[in-house]
């Protein structure tokens, strides 16, 4: 009985933290229509700020809490709403998700720069060493404090939302933002206050979590991510539902810790990491039992011109040019640089998997690296000799798994698919890639492909394989986009209501697109031909894939290629500029490698200004060149001439790349 009570109290304490964090999510979502994937990063930053103020600068506990929770966090939330979130009002669901995911990635990078992860930062618990006896069990004061704060938050939010003018304005925004403005309300100010309140609640949960463990940016962020499952219980809008979900999740995690021995196994599956997988399982179950959302016409959104698919002839010539350029440039690179460029092309193949899903169908996935991992495992298991049979199995397996993952969420709105795929990534990290039988030693070697007389035995051949595969798949996607199926998918993205009215089966179409996307991502893993570690397939590595794919221009194959190269260029730039720093007259200085750690996040945040990404802008800028035969001939002949000059030793390789850059821009 003592053991049961001990773990019940511990579970309720954890539930209190989840409830507080989920309350902030619900408040911001209901007032702005934006699900803040960076909510966990808000709590993580608050935890580090509390450590800095309390432990780093020696400020007493109570002033530190007041400064962080009631001053710094609300100001930060207000600035984020005014500077970023207000700019994406009326944007598509994909843009809203990618901007908040980008904010999360940027904050993770900034936190690791300010507080390097190789330094331990313990935070003393509140009322350290003080306990009270309840039914014979010693309960720390800190746990009682956590539960008391959760109750105070629940009561306080009830009073604010029901008894104050601010609360009425917040609820009015949900019902009709335009009508509120016509009646003299100020929706912008109300939304700013709501984000300030949400950031304050994230700070409370972050500080409470920090008092129970050593600070880690990724760990803290993902712990608060568990609140996603809690918020979904209340359909992202109900605070009582969120608190109920928090109690269920907190108790489930606590009882799993207390009563399930880590050495237990279900057949070949070890239960050692079951506790960390419970939030993902709960999220899937809740999504599965949710009633299907009724289709509604969307509100006012930004008008924008659709991205026109290229002609098939243009796509074919583009694919040929890509393979030739990859072969020519790859022949000039040293072995380390060739390895990095090859990985960049591999990322481009994975980002290509999002073109049919996000670019054509308007859906989103945050688990593309997880599907890549499944493909890599399938290849290592059934294609250990490089056999193409392993590739075929990987593609089919990923398509089936993708359809199974997507089916429950696609009955609902787009945000549920993003949440389901995030949960799937977290579940696989714990229960698949974390299994010693699956990845012995935490790593796996994917063999190089061997087909006919072609065998991938070095990075140059790997680069050629990626280029040819990307060109073929890119042409296939262009062909699909220009087909009747592609027009149906595009129509579904533009107006689901109209498609349903015409009798189209939206669920089967969406599941088919998701299965295709997962299959392409799995193909990227099967053809990788390199060693992976378990962390490569986690959620934190999937987020930049989705983010930079959309930044590059996910509506086109060229945009996916640009996004993949942007992701692959980061380690290349980090290697080249490892000894360099950015500063202002030496008063402020930051290593380039540190700047690059959060630059991808900043790119994604800027997406609100140009939802179509960078590729359409570049295409518009070079359209005149593409329509001029003399310009194309000069560009081609000039590039070939520079390559031959480099091969002959007339100019150096660095001179070649510099001259080629100037030549292309000119």
Foldseek 3Di string as FASTA:
>chain_A
DLLLVVLLLQLLLQLLLLLLLLVLQLLLCLLQVFRQLLLLLLQLVLQVQLLCVCVVVPDDNVVSLCCSQVPVQLVVLLCCCVPFVVLQRQPANLLSVLLSLLVNLLSLLVVCQVPPQVDWRAAAAPPPPDFDADPNHTHGPLSVVSNVVSVVVVVVLVCPLPPDPLNVLSNVSNVPVVVCVVVPHDSSVSSSSSSSSSSSSSNVSSNSVRNVDIRDSVVSSVSNLLSVLLCVQVVSHDSVSSSVSSSVLSSVLSCCVSPPDQQDADVLWGCVLVSLLVSLVSSVVSLLPDPQDDDDDDDRHDDDDADDQDDLVVLLVVLVVLLVVLLLLLVQDDQVVLLLVLQLLLLLLLLLLCLLQCQQQNADALQLLLLLVQLLLQQVVVVVVQECVSLVVSLQVQLVVQLVQCLSQVSYDRVSRHSSRQSVQSNCLRTPLVRCVSAPVQKGFQAAHDDDPDTPDGSSSSSSVSSNVLSVVQSVVSVCCPDPLVVLSNVCNVGVPVSVVVPDDVSVSNSNSSSSSSSSSSSSSNNVRGMDGSVCRHSSNSSLSSQLLQQQFSNHSRSSSRSSNLVSCLVVVCVVQVPPWDDDVPPDIDGPNSVSSSVSSVSSSCCSVPRRHDNVVVCVVCVVLVVDPVSVVCLVVVLVVLSVCCVVVVDDSVVSVVVNVVSVVD
